[in-house]
Amino acid sequence: MAKKLSKEISGSIITIKEVVTGMEMVFNFMDLPTGIQDKFGPFGLGHKLGDAAAGKSGQDAVNAINKVWKGLLANDWSVRAPAGEKITKKSVLEKVSALSPVEQEAAKELLARLGLKL
């Protein structure tokens, strides 16, 4: 899916470009009332930490959140939790080839019905 928005942050200035129209909008965080600025800190932190746990659960989510938190405490905005395991075509082919010929055919048919061609 193509991105609908591009965002750039420079200091307190946030520039958002809507891709279809090409419209560019510029916002200065410092123009917001102090009360709203105060709410954005915890709100943004919640999103940053929550994003770290996206697609994870249990201890994996806890570990991801803690890794990002420790990075932020160390002044590292770009720290990321490790991505989940990726499924590659090669790994699927290896698993399918380890099956019996009858199971291989059934697996290939099922994957084809799911839109995946090996």
PDB file of N, CA and C in Angstrom:
ATOM      1  N   MET A   1       0.848  -1.177   0.000  1.00  0.00           N
ATOM      2  CA  MET A   1       0.000   0.000   0.000  1.00  0.00           C
ATOM      3  C   MET A   1       0.893   1.239   0.000  1.00  0.00           C
ATOM      4  N   ALA A   2       0.615   2.156  -0.862  1.00  0.00           N
ATOM      5  CA  ALA A   2       1.401   3.375  -0.979  1.00  0.00           C
ATOM      6  C   ALA A   2       1.097   4.319   0.180  1.00  0.00           C
ATOM      7  N   LYS A   3       2.106   5.072   0.586  1.00  0.00           N
ATOM      8  CA  LYS A   3       1.917   6.050   1.655  1.00  0.00           C
ATOM      9  C   LYS A   3       1.033   7.186   1.155  1.00  0.00           C
ATOM     10  N   LYS A   4       0.135   7.620   2.013  1.00  0.00           N
ATOM     11  CA  LYS A   4      -0.757   8.728   1.676  1.00  0.00           C
ATOM     12  C   LYS A   4      -0.206  10.063   2.146  1.00  0.00           C
ATOM     13  N   LEU A   5       0.642  10.010   3.165  1.00  0.00           N
ATOM     14  CA  LEU A   5       1.213  11.222   3.736  1.00  0.00           C
ATOM     15  C   LEU A   5       2.718  11.054   3.893  1.00  0.00           C
ATOM     16  N   SER A   6       3.426  12.146   3.719  1.00  0.00           N
ATOM     17  CA  SER A   6       4.833  12.151   4.111  1.00  0.00           C
ATOM     18  C   SER A   6       4.970  13.215   5.192  1.00  0.00           C
ATOM     19  N   LYS A   7       5.814  12.931   6.180  1.00  0.00           N
ATOM     20  CA  LYS A   7       5.981  13.856   7.300  1.00  0.00           C
ATOM     21  C   LYS A   7       7.454  14.132   7.508  1.00  0.00           C
ATOM     22  N   GLU A   8       7.730  15.361   7.863  1.00  0.00           N
ATOM     23  CA  GLU A   8       9.101  15.759   8.183  1.00  0.00           C
ATOM     24  C   GLU A   8       9.045  16.638   9.424  1.00  0.00           C
ATOM     25  N   ILE A   9       9.932  16.359  10.360  1.00  0.00           N
ATOM     26  CA  ILE A   9       9.999  17.152  11.584  1.00  0.00           C
ATOM     27  C   ILE A   9      11.345  17.845  11.624  1.00  0.00           C
ATOM     28  N   SER A  10      11.327  19.152  11.822  1.00  0.00           N
ATOM     29  CA  SER A  10      12.550  19.941  11.951  1.00  0.00           C
ATOM     30  C   SER A  10      12.357  20.884  13.126  1.00  0.00           C
ATOM     31  N   GLY A  11      12.999  20.556  14.229  1.00  0.00           N
ATOM     32  CA  GLY A  11      12.781  21.341  15.442  1.00  0.00           C
ATOM     33  C   GLY A  11      11.336  21.199  15.882  1.00  0.00           C
ATOM     34  N   SER A  12      10.641  22.323  16.022  1.00  0.00           N
ATOM     35  CA  SER A  12       9.234  22.279  16.433  1.00  0.00           C
ATOM     36  C   SER A  12       8.284  22.357  15.230  1.00  0.00           C
ATOM     37  N   ILE A  13       8.838  22.335  14.017  1.00  0.00           N
ATOM     38  CA  ILE A  13       8.033  22.456  12.797  1.00  0.00           C
ATOM     39  C   ILE A  13       7.755  21.075  12.214  1.00  0.00           C
ATOM     40  N   ILE A  14       6.486  20.802  11.964  1.00  0.00           N
ATOM     41  CA  ILE A  14       6.062  19.548  11.350  1.00  0.00           C
ATOM     42  C   ILE A  14       5.478  19.888   9.988  1.00  0.00           C
ATOM     43  N   THR A  15       6.056  19.281   8.940  1.00  0.00           N
ATOM     44  CA  THR A  15       5.552  19.478   7.586  1.00  0.00           C
ATOM     45  C   THR A  15       4.921  18.174   7.132  1.00  0.00           C
ATOM     46  N   ILE A  16       3.665  18.252   6.729  1.00  0.00           N
ATOM     47  CA  ILE A  16       2.931  17.084   6.255  1.00  0.00           C
ATOM     48  C   ILE A  16       2.527  17.341   4.817  1.00  0.00           C
ATOM     49  N   LYS A  17       2.852  16.379   3.957  1.00  0.00           N
ATOM     50  CA  LYS A  17       2.474  16.495   2.554  1.00  0.00           C
ATOM     51  C   LYS A  17       1.490  15.380   2.232  1.00  0.00           C
ATOM     52  N   GLU A  18       0.331  15.779   1.700  1.00  0.00           N
ATOM     53  CA  GLU A  18      -0.662  14.809   1.250  1.00  0.00           C
ATOM     54  C   GLU A  18      -0.267  14.438  -0.179  1.00  0.00           C
ATOM     55  N   VAL A  19      -0.033  13.150  -0.418  1.00  0.00           N
ATOM     56  CA  VAL A  19       0.583  12.700  -1.657  1.00  0.00           C
ATOM     57  C   VAL A  19      -0.293  12.905  -2.888  1.00  0.00           C
ATOM     58  N   VAL A  20      -1.582  12.607  -2.819  1.00  0.00           N
ATOM     59  CA  VAL A  20      -2.460  12.693  -3.992  1.00  0.00           C
ATOM     60  C   VAL A  20      -2.580  14.126  -4.502  1.00  0.00           C
ATOM     61  N   THR A  21      -2.829  15.065  -3.590  1.00  0.00           N
ATOM     62  CA  THR A  21      -3.008  16.461  -4.003  1.00  0.00           C
ATOM     63  C   THR A  21      -1.693  17.219  -4.088  1.00  0.00           C
ATOM     64  N   GLY A  22      -0.663  16.702  -3.418  1.00  0.00           N
ATOM     65  CA  GLY A  22       0.602  17.418  -3.353  1.00  0.00           C
ATOM     66  C   GLY A  22       0.554  18.576  -2.367  1.00  0.00           C
ATOM     67  N   MET A  23      -0.552  18.721  -1.654  1.00  0.00           N
ATOM     68  CA  MET A  23      -0.723  19.802  -0.682  1.00  0.00           C
ATOM     69  C   MET A  23       0.248  19.611   0.474  1.00  0.00           C
ATOM     70  N   GLU A  24       0.971  20.673   0.801  1.00  0.00           N
ATOM     71  CA  GLU A  24       1.916  20.654   1.901  1.00  0.00           C
ATOM     72  C   GLU A  24       1.406  21.576   3.001  1.00  0.00           C
ATOM     73  N   MET A  25       1.378  21.049   4.216  1.00  0.00           N
ATOM     74  CA  MET A  25       0.889  21.810   5.367  1.00  0.00           C
ATOM     75  C   MET A  25       2.012  21.906   6.388  1.00  0.00           C
ATOM     76  N   VAL A  26       2.175  23.079   6.988  1.00  0.00           N
ATOM     77  CA  VAL A  26       3.254  23.309   7.952  1.00  0.00           C
ATOM     78  C   VAL A  26       2.631  23.728   9.282  1.00  0.00           C
ATOM     79  N   PHE A  27       3.061  23.039  10.340  1.00  0.00           N
ATOM     80  CA  PHE A  27       2.539  23.308  11.678  1.00  0.00           C
ATOM     81  C   PHE A  27       3.701  23.522  12.633  1.00  0.00           C
ATOM     82  N   ASN A  28       3.566  24.498  13.510  1.00  0.00           N
ATOM     83  CA  ASN A  28       4.582  24.743  14.521  1.00  0.00           C
ATOM     84  C   ASN A  28       4.030  24.304  15.873  1.00  0.00           C
ATOM     85  N   PHE A  29       4.653  23.297  16.447  1.00  0.00           N
ATOM     86  CA  PHE A  29       4.230  22.778  17.740  1.00  0.00           C
ATOM     87  C   PHE A  29       4.166  23.885  18.794  1.00  0.00           C
ATOM     88  N   MET A  30       5.080  24.840  18.705  1.00  0.00           N
ATOM     89  CA  MET A  30       5.156  25.902  19.709  1.00  0.00           C
ATOM     90  C   MET A  30       3.971  26.865  19.627  1.00  0.00           C
ATOM     91  N   ASP A  31       3.194  26.829  18.543  1.00  0.00           N
ATOM     92  CA  ASP A  31       2.000  27.665  18.432  1.00  0.00           C
ATOM     93  C   ASP A  31       0.835  27.139  19.274  1.00  0.00           C
ATOM     94  N   LEU A  32       0.942  25.894  19.710  1.00  0.00           N
ATOM     95  CA  LEU A  32      -0.132  25.296  20.510  1.00  0.00           C
ATOM     96  C   LEU A  32      -0.128  25.870  21.923  1.00  0.00           C
ATOM     97  N   PRO A  33      -1.309  25.963  22.544  1.00  0.00           N
ATOM     98  CA  PRO A  33      -1.361  26.404  23.935  1.00  0.00           C
ATOM     99  C   PRO A  33      -0.552  25.457  24.832  1.00  0.00           C
ATOM    100  N   THR A  34      -0.008  25.980  25.904  1.00  0.00           N
ATOM    101  CA  THR A  34       0.835  25.202  26.820  1.00  0.00           C
ATOM    102  C   THR A  34       0.128  23.954  27.321  1.00  0.00           C
ATOM    103  N   GLY A  35      -1.154  24.051  27.645  1.00  0.00           N
ATOM    104  CA  GLY A  35      -1.899  22.884  28.141  1.00  0.00           C
ATOM    105  C   GLY A  35      -1.929  21.751  27.124  1.00  0.00           C
ATOM    106  N   ILE A  36      -2.076  22.085  25.848  1.00  0.00           N
ATOM    107  CA  ILE A  36      -2.079  21.066  24.792  1.00  0.00           C
ATOM    108  C   ILE A  36      -0.663  20.502  24.622  1.00  0.00           C
ATOM    109  N   GLN A  37       0.341  21.361  24.658  1.00  0.00           N
ATOM    110  CA  GLN A  37       1.723  20.880  24.571  1.00  0.00           C
ATOM    111  C   GLN A  37       2.011  19.889  25.701  1.00  0.00           C
ATOM    112  N   ASP A  38       1.537  20.205  26.910  1.00  0.00           N
ATOM    113  CA  ASP A  38       1.762  19.335  28.067  1.00  0.00           C
ATOM    114  C   ASP A  38       1.138  17.955  27.862  1.00  0.00           C
ATOM    115  N   LYS A  39      -0.008  17.901  27.206  1.00  0.00           N
ATOM    116  CA  LYS A  39      -0.678  16.623  26.960  1.00  0.00           C
ATOM    117  C   LYS A  39       0.029  15.821  25.866  1.00  0.00           C
ATOM    118  N   PHE A  40       0.650  16.511  24.899  1.00  0.00           N
ATOM    119  CA  PHE A  40       1.304  15.803  23.802  1.00  0.00           C
ATOM    120  C   PHE A  40       2.499  14.978  24.253  1.00  0.00           C
ATOM    121  N   GLY A  41       3.207  15.404  25.282  1.00  0.00           N
ATOM    122  CA  GLY A  41       4.364  14.636  25.750  1.00  0.00           C
ATOM    123  C   GLY A  41       3.981  13.216  26.129  1.00  0.00           C
ATOM    124  N   PRO A  42       3.098  13.028  27.111  1.00  0.00           N
ATOM    125  CA  PRO A  42       2.688  11.678  27.485  1.00  0.00           C
ATOM    126  C   PRO A  42       1.970  10.941  26.352  1.00  0.00           C
ATOM    127  N   PHE A  43       1.165  11.682  25.583  1.00  0.00           N
ATOM    128  CA  PHE A  43       0.444  11.068  24.468  1.00  0.00           C
ATOM    129  C   PHE A  43       1.436  10.500  23.440  1.00  0.00           C
ATOM    130  N   GLY A  44       2.412  11.311  23.058  1.00  0.00           N
ATOM    131  CA  GLY A  44       3.423  10.880  22.091  1.00  0.00           C
ATOM    132  C   GLY A  44       4.260   9.731  22.624  1.00  0.00           C
ATOM    133  N   LEU A  45       4.621   9.786  23.900  1.00  0.00           N
ATOM    134  CA  LEU A  45       5.390   8.710  24.517  1.00  0.00           C
ATOM    135  C   LEU A  45       4.597   7.409  24.467  1.00  0.00           C
ATOM    136  N   GLY A  46       3.306   7.503  24.773  1.00  0.00           N
ATOM    137  CA  GLY A  46       2.458   6.312  24.712  1.00  0.00           C
ATOM    138  C   GLY A  46       2.437   5.695  23.320  1.00  0.00           C
ATOM    139  N   HIS A  47       2.382   6.550  22.305  1.00  0.00           N
ATOM    140  CA  HIS A  47       2.395   6.044  20.931  1.00  0.00           C
ATOM    141  C   HIS A  47       3.738   5.428  20.571  1.00  0.00           C
ATOM    142  N   LYS A  48       4.808   6.093  20.921  1.00  0.00           N
ATOM    143  CA  LYS A  48       6.155   5.594  20.611  1.00  0.00           C
ATOM    144  C   LYS A  48       6.375   4.227  21.257  1.00  0.00           C
ATOM    145  N   LEU A  49       6.013   4.103  22.527  1.00  0.00           N
ATOM    146  CA  LEU A  49       6.190   2.833  23.220  1.00  0.00           C
ATOM    147  C   LEU A  49       5.217   1.780  22.708  1.00  0.00           C
ATOM    148  N   GLY A  50       3.988   2.190  22.423  1.00  0.00           N
ATOM    149  CA  GLY A  50       3.009   1.256  21.887  1.00  0.00           C
ATOM    150  C   GLY A  50       3.412   0.730  20.517  1.00  0.00           C
ATOM    151  N   ASP A  51       3.972   1.602  19.687  1.00  0.00           N
ATOM    152  CA  ASP A  51       4.436   1.174  18.359  1.00  0.00           C
ATOM    153  C   ASP A  51       5.520   0.107  18.469  1.00  0.00           C
ATOM    154  N   ALA A  52       6.323   0.174  19.525  1.00  0.00           N
ATOM    155  CA  ALA A  52       7.388  -0.810  19.711  1.00  0.00           C
ATOM    156  C   ALA A  52       6.819  -2.216  19.867  1.00  0.00           C
ATOM    157  N   ALA A  53       5.610  -2.316  20.405  1.00  0.00           N
ATOM    158  CA  ALA A  53       5.004  -3.619  20.656  1.00  0.00           C
ATOM    159  C   ALA A  53       4.095  -4.080  19.526  1.00  0.00           C
ATOM    160  N   ALA A  54       4.001  -3.297  18.468  1.00  0.00           N
ATOM    161  CA  ALA A  54       3.108  -3.658  17.355  1.00  0.00           C
ATOM    162  C   ALA A  54       3.462  -5.042  16.816  1.00  0.00           C
ATOM    163  N   GLY A  55       2.457  -5.893  16.702  1.00  0.00           N
ATOM    164  CA  GLY A  55       2.654  -7.241  16.170  1.00  0.00           C
ATOM    165  C   GLY A  55       3.269  -8.217  17.149  1.00  0.00           C
ATOM    166  N   LYS A  56       3.461  -7.795  18.397  1.00  0.00           N
ATOM    167  CA  LYS A  56       4.071  -8.662  19.403  1.00  0.00           C
ATOM    168  C   LYS A  56       3.073  -8.868  20.537  1.00  0.00           C
ATOM    169  N   SER A  57       3.346  -9.860  21.363  1.00  0.00           N
ATOM    170  CA  SER A  57       2.517 -10.068  22.551  1.00  0.00           C
ATOM    171  C   SER A  57       3.373 -10.680  23.645  1.00  0.00           C
ATOM    172  N   GLY A  58       2.834 -10.681  24.839  1.00  0.00           N
ATOM    173  CA  GLY A  58       3.520 -11.300  25.962  1.00  0.00           C
ATOM    174  C   GLY A  58       4.877 -10.679  26.232  1.00  0.00           C
ATOM    175  N   GLN A  59       5.830 -11.540  26.567  1.00  0.00           N
ATOM    176  CA  GLN A  59       7.169 -11.078  26.933  1.00  0.00           C
ATOM    177  C   GLN A  59       7.855 -10.362  25.777  1.00  0.00           C
ATOM    178  N   ASP A  60       7.560 -10.771  24.532  1.00  0.00           N
ATOM    179  CA  ASP A  60       8.160 -10.083  23.380  1.00  0.00           C
ATOM    180  C   ASP A  60       7.735  -8.618  23.355  1.00  0.00           C
ATOM    181  N   ALA A  61       6.470  -8.339  23.653  1.00  0.00           N
ATOM    182  CA  ALA A  61       5.981  -6.952  23.684  1.00  0.00           C
ATOM    183  C   ALA A  61       6.644  -6.184  24.825  1.00  0.00           C
ATOM    184  N   VAL A  62       6.730  -6.808  25.982  1.00  0.00           N
ATOM    185  CA  VAL A  62       7.358  -6.167  27.145  1.00  0.00           C
ATOM    186  C   VAL A  62       8.816  -5.832  26.829  1.00  0.00           C
ATOM    187  N   ASN A  63       9.537  -6.775  26.248  1.00  0.00           N
ATOM    188  CA  ASN A  63      10.950  -6.548  25.915  1.00  0.00           C
ATOM    189  C   ASN A  63      11.105  -5.421  24.904  1.00  0.00           C
ATOM    190  N   ALA A  64      10.233  -5.377  23.901  1.00  0.00           N
ATOM    191  CA  ALA A  64      10.309  -4.342  22.868  1.00  0.00           C
ATOM    192  C   ALA A  64      10.068  -2.959  23.464  1.00  0.00           C
ATOM    193  N   ILE A  65       9.059  -2.847  24.312  1.00  0.00           N
ATOM    194  CA  ILE A  65       8.746  -1.567  24.945  1.00  0.00           C
ATOM    195  C   ILE A  65       9.914  -1.107  25.815  1.00  0.00           C
ATOM    196  N   ASN A  66      10.457  -2.022  26.602  1.00  0.00           N
ATOM    197  CA  ASN A  66      11.581  -1.665  27.480  1.00  0.00           C
ATOM    198  C   ASN A  66      12.820  -1.271  26.683  1.00  0.00           C
ATOM    199  N   LYS A  67      13.057  -1.910  25.550  1.00  0.00           N
ATOM    200  CA  LYS A  67      14.216  -1.556  24.728  1.00  0.00           C
ATOM    201  C   LYS A  67      14.080  -0.123  24.210  1.00  0.00           C
ATOM    202  N   VAL A  68      12.896   0.233  23.721  1.00  0.00           N
ATOM    203  CA  VAL A  68      12.687   1.586  23.211  1.00  0.00           C
ATOM    204  C   VAL A  68      12.786   2.591  24.357  1.00  0.00           C
ATOM    205  N   TRP A  69      12.205   2.284  25.510  1.00  0.00           N
ATOM    206  CA  TRP A  69      12.274   3.189  26.664  1.00  0.00           C
ATOM    207  C   TRP A  69      13.727   3.462  27.049  1.00  0.00           C
ATOM    208  N   LYS A  70      14.527   2.393  27.131  1.00  0.00           N
ATOM    209  CA  LYS A  70      15.942   2.569  27.491  1.00  0.00           C
ATOM    210  C   LYS A  70      16.662   3.409  26.447  1.00  0.00           C
ATOM    211  N   GLY A  71      16.329   3.224  25.183  1.00  0.00           N
ATOM    212  CA  GLY A  71      16.923   4.044  24.122  1.00  0.00           C
ATOM    213  C   GLY A  71      16.569   5.505  24.272  1.00  0.00           C
ATOM    214  N   LEU A  72      15.317   5.780  24.586  1.00  0.00           N
ATOM    215  CA  LEU A  72      14.878   7.166  24.778  1.00  0.00           C
ATOM    216  C   LEU A  72      15.600   7.798  25.972  1.00  0.00           C
ATOM    217  N   LEU A  73      15.748   7.041  27.050  1.00  0.00           N
ATOM    218  CA  LEU A  73      16.470   7.556  28.217  1.00  0.00           C
ATOM    219  C   LEU A  73      17.916   7.884  27.871  1.00  0.00           C
ATOM    220  N   ALA A  74      18.472   7.157  26.887  1.00  0.00           N
ATOM    221  CA  ALA A  74      19.852   7.393  26.448  1.00  0.00           C
ATOM    222  C   ALA A  74      19.913   8.421  25.315  1.00  0.00           C
ATOM    223  N   ASN A  75      18.810   9.153  25.106  1.00  0.00           N
ATOM    224  CA  ASN A  75      18.724  10.192  24.085  1.00  0.00           C
ATOM    225  C   ASN A  75      18.818   9.636  22.658  1.00  0.00           C
ATOM    226  N   ASP A  76      18.356   8.416  22.462  1.00  0.00           N
ATOM    227  CA  ASP A  76      18.348   7.778  21.147  1.00  0.00           C
ATOM    228  C   ASP A  76      16.909   7.639  20.668  1.00  0.00           C
ATOM    229  N   TRP A  77      16.491   8.571  19.830  1.00  0.00           N
ATOM    230  CA  TRP A  77      15.115   8.575  19.314  1.00  0.00           C
ATOM    231  C   TRP A  77      14.887   7.428  18.343  1.00  0.00           C
ATOM    232  N   SER A  78      15.924   7.022  17.619  1.00  0.00           N
ATOM    233  CA  SER A  78      15.741   6.073  16.530  1.00  0.00           C
ATOM    234  C   SER A  78      15.834   4.612  16.953  1.00  0.00           C
ATOM    235  N   VAL A  79      16.033   4.349  18.236  1.00  0.00           N
ATOM    236  CA  VAL A  79      16.109   2.953  18.675  1.00  0.00           C
ATOM    237  C   VAL A  79      14.801   2.251  18.320  1.00  0.00           C
ATOM    238  N   ARG A  80      14.932   1.024  17.865  1.00  0.00           N
ATOM    239  CA  ARG A  80      13.756   0.251  17.476  1.00  0.00           C
ATOM    240  C   ARG A  80      13.846  -1.134  18.102  1.00  0.00           C
ATOM    241  N   ALA A  81      12.683  -1.653  18.376  1.00  0.00           N
ATOM    242  CA  ALA A  81      12.633  -3.029  18.829  1.00  0.00           C
ATOM    243  C   ALA A  81      12.902  -3.919  17.619  1.00  0.00           C
ATOM    244  N   PRO A  82      13.515  -5.077  17.823  1.00  0.00           N
ATOM    245  CA  PRO A  82      13.784  -5.946  16.683  1.00  0.00           C
ATOM    246  C   PRO A  82      12.485  -6.349  15.993  1.00  0.00           C
ATOM    247  N   ALA A  83      12.534  -6.404  14.684  1.00  0.00           N
ATOM    248  CA  ALA A  83      11.358  -6.805  13.907  1.00  0.00           C
ATOM    249  C   ALA A  83      11.082  -8.282  14.141  1.00  0.00           C
ATOM    250  N   GLY A  84       9.851  -8.643  13.936  1.00  0.00           N
ATOM    251  CA  GLY A  84       9.483 -10.045  14.055  1.00  0.00           C
ATOM    252  C   GLY A  84      10.113 -10.867  12.947  1.00  0.00           C
ATOM    253  N   GLU A  85      10.065 -12.164  13.120  1.00  0.00           N
ATOM    254  CA  GLU A  85      10.639 -13.070  12.129  1.00  0.00           C
ATOM    255  C   GLU A  85       9.940 -12.891  10.787  1.00  0.00           C
ATOM    256  N   LYS A  86      10.716 -12.864   9.726  1.00  0.00           N
ATOM    257  CA  LYS A  86      10.178 -12.715   8.382  1.00  0.00           C
ATOM    258  C   LYS A  86      10.047 -14.098   7.746  1.00  0.00           C
ATOM    259  N   ILE A  87       8.975 -14.279   7.013  1.00  0.00           N
ATOM    260  CA  ILE A  87       8.774 -15.516   6.275  1.00  0.00           C
ATOM    261  C   ILE A  87       9.186 -15.249   4.839  1.00  0.00           C
ATOM    262  N   THR A  88      10.157 -16.016   4.376  1.00  0.00           N
ATOM    263  CA  THR A  88      10.638 -15.828   3.015  1.00  0.00           C
ATOM    264  C   THR A  88      10.143 -16.968   2.135  1.00  0.00           C
ATOM    265  N   LYS A  89      10.109 -16.713   0.840  1.00  0.00           N
ATOM    266  CA  LYS A  89       9.711 -17.754  -0.109  1.00  0.00           C
ATOM    267  C   LYS A  89      10.665 -18.941   0.007  1.00  0.00           C
ATOM    268  N   LYS A  90      11.945 -18.639   0.176  1.00  0.00           N
ATOM    269  CA  LYS A  90      12.960 -19.695   0.302  1.00  0.00           C
ATOM    270  C   LYS A  90      12.664 -20.592   1.502  1.00  0.00           C
ATOM    271  N   SER A  91      12.316 -19.982   2.654  1.00  0.00           N
ATOM    272  CA  SER A  91      12.057 -20.790   3.846  1.00  0.00           C
ATOM    273  C   SER A  91      10.799 -21.644   3.670  1.00  0.00           C
ATOM    274  N   VAL A  92       9.792 -21.108   2.986  1.00  0.00           N
ATOM    275  CA  VAL A  92       8.577 -21.891   2.728  1.00  0.00           C
ATOM    276  C   VAL A  92       8.903 -23.060   1.803  1.00  0.00           C
ATOM    277  N   LEU A  93       9.683 -22.793   0.748  1.00  0.00           N
ATOM    278  CA  LEU A  93      10.080 -23.864  -0.181  1.00  0.00           C
ATOM    279  C   LEU A  93      10.846 -24.968   0.537  1.00  0.00           C
ATOM    280  N   GLU A  94      11.728 -24.570   1.461  1.00  0.00           N
ATOM    281  CA  GLU A  94      12.492 -25.562   2.220  1.00  0.00           C
ATOM    282  C   GLU A  94      11.572 -26.439   3.063  1.00  0.00           C
ATOM    283  N   LYS A  95      10.607 -25.811   3.709  1.00  0.00           N
ATOM    284  CA  LYS A  95       9.664 -26.570   4.547  1.00  0.00           C
ATOM    285  C   LYS A  95       8.802 -27.495   3.696  1.00  0.00           C
ATOM    286  N   VAL A  96       8.316 -26.987   2.566  1.00  0.00           N
ATOM    287  CA  VAL A  96       7.466 -27.800   1.694  1.00  0.00           C
ATOM    288  C   VAL A  96       8.258 -28.977   1.130  1.00  0.00           C
ATOM    289  N   SER A  97       9.507 -28.738   0.753  1.00  0.00           N
ATOM    290  CA  SER A  97      10.314 -29.817   0.164  1.00  0.00           C
ATOM    291  C   SER A  97      10.631 -30.921   1.171  1.00  0.00           C
ATOM    292  N   ALA A  98      10.517 -30.645   2.448  1.00  0.00           N
ATOM    293  CA  ALA A  98      10.772 -31.654   3.481  1.00  0.00           C
ATOM    294  C   ALA A  98       9.554 -32.563   3.698  1.00  0.00           C
ATOM    295  N   LEU A  99       8.435 -32.215   3.077  1.00  0.00           N
ATOM    296  CA  LEU A  99       7.221 -33.022   3.215  1.00  0.00           C
ATOM    297  C   LEU A  99       7.231 -34.192   2.242  1.00  0.00           C
ATOM    298  N   SER A 100       6.344 -35.145   2.484  1.00  0.00           N
ATOM    299  CA  SER A 100       6.185 -36.254   1.534  1.00  0.00           C
ATOM    300  C   SER A 100       5.608 -35.699   0.234  1.00  0.00           C
ATOM    301  N   PRO A 101       5.768 -36.420  -0.884  1.00  0.00           N
ATOM    302  CA  PRO A 101       5.224 -35.933  -2.156  1.00  0.00           C
ATOM    303  C   PRO A 101       3.725 -35.608  -2.102  1.00  0.00           C
ATOM    304  N   VAL A 102       2.962 -36.408  -1.401  1.00  0.00           N
ATOM    305  CA  VAL A 102       1.519 -36.158  -1.284  1.00  0.00           C
ATOM    306  C   VAL A 102       1.269 -34.878  -0.482  1.00  0.00           C
ATOM    307  N   GLU A 103       2.007 -34.709   0.617  1.00  0.00           N
ATOM    308  CA  GLU A 103       1.866 -33.506   1.431  1.00  0.00           C
ATOM    309  C   GLU A 103       2.350 -32.265   0.681  1.00  0.00           C
ATOM    310  N   GLN A 104       3.398 -32.414  -0.120  1.00  0.00           N
ATOM    311  CA  GLN A 104       3.902 -31.291  -0.913  1.00  0.00           C
ATOM    312  C   GLN A 104       2.823 -30.793  -1.865  1.00  0.00           C
ATOM    313  N   GLU A 105       2.163 -31.723  -2.529  1.00  0.00           N
ATOM    314  CA  GLU A 105       1.117 -31.339  -3.483  1.00  0.00           C
ATOM    315  C   GLU A 105      -0.026 -30.633  -2.764  1.00  0.00           C
ATOM    316  N   ALA A 106      -0.425 -31.153  -1.595  1.00  0.00           N
ATOM    317  CA  ALA A 106      -1.511 -30.534  -0.823  1.00  0.00           C
ATOM    318  C   ALA A 106      -1.101 -29.136  -0.350  1.00  0.00           C
ATOM    319  N   ALA A 107       0.136 -28.998   0.101  1.00  0.00           N
ATOM    320  CA  ALA A 107       0.619 -27.698   0.574  1.00  0.00           C
ATOM    321  C   ALA A 107       0.650 -26.693  -0.570  1.00  0.00           C
ATOM    322  N   LYS A 108       1.135 -27.119  -1.731  1.00  0.00           N
ATOM    323  CA  LYS A 108       1.202 -26.222  -2.891  1.00  0.00           C
ATOM    324  C   LYS A 108      -0.193 -25.782  -3.328  1.00  0.00           C
ATOM    325  N   GLU A 109      -1.140 -26.712  -3.295  1.00  0.00           N
ATOM    326  CA  GLU A 109      -2.526 -26.363  -3.663  1.00  0.00           C
ATOM    327  C   GLU A 109      -3.108 -25.352  -2.676  1.00  0.00           C
ATOM    328  N   LEU A 110      -2.881 -25.580  -1.401  1.00  0.00           N
ATOM    329  CA  LEU A 110      -3.386 -24.661  -0.379  1.00  0.00           C
ATOM    330  C   LEU A 110      -2.757 -23.278  -0.532  1.00  0.00           C
ATOM    331  N   LEU A 111      -1.448 -23.235  -0.709  1.00  0.00           N
ATOM    332  CA  LEU A 111      -0.773 -21.948  -0.882  1.00  0.00           C
ATOM    333  C   LEU A 111      -1.265 -21.234  -2.137  1.00  0.00           C
ATOM    334  N   ALA A 112      -1.518 -21.984  -3.203  1.00  0.00           N
ATOM    335  CA  ALA A 112      -2.040 -21.379  -4.438  1.00  0.00           C
ATOM    336  C   ALA A 112      -3.422 -20.775  -4.194  1.00  0.00           C
ATOM    337  N   ARG A 113      -4.263 -21.467  -3.412  1.00  0.00           N
ATOM    338  CA  ARG A 113      -5.596 -20.919  -3.089  1.00  0.00           C
ATOM    339  C   ARG A 113      -5.494 -19.656  -2.268  1.00  0.00           C
ATOM    340  N   LEU A 114      -4.406 -19.521  -1.526  1.00  0.00           N
ATOM    341  CA  LEU A 114      -4.160 -18.302  -0.740  1.00  0.00           C
ATOM    342  C   LEU A 114      -3.508 -17.207  -1.579  1.00  0.00           C
ATOM    343  N   GLY A 115      -3.220 -17.533  -2.842  1.00  0.00           N
ATOM    344  CA  GLY A 115      -2.624 -16.537  -3.741  1.00  0.00           C
ATOM    345  C   GLY A 115      -1.107 -16.541  -3.727  1.00  0.00           C
ATOM    346  N   LEU A 116      -0.508 -17.565  -3.121  1.00  0.00           N
ATOM    347  CA  LEU A 116       0.954 -17.651  -3.053  1.00  0.00           C
ATOM    348  C   LEU A 116       1.423 -18.749  -4.002  1.00  0.00           C
ATOM    349  N   LYS A 117       2.223 -18.373  -4.972  1.00  0.00           N
ATOM    350  CA  LYS A 117       2.735 -19.355  -5.945  1.00  0.00           C
ATOM    351  C   LYS A 117       4.192 -19.618  -5.673  1.00  0.00           C
ATOM    352  N   LEU A 118       4.514 -20.912  -5.565  1.00  0.00           N
ATOM    353  CA  LEU A 118       5.905 -21.296  -5.302  1.00  0.00           C
ATOM    354  C   LEU A 118       6.628 -21.634  -6.587  1.00  0.00           C
TER     355      LEU A 118
END
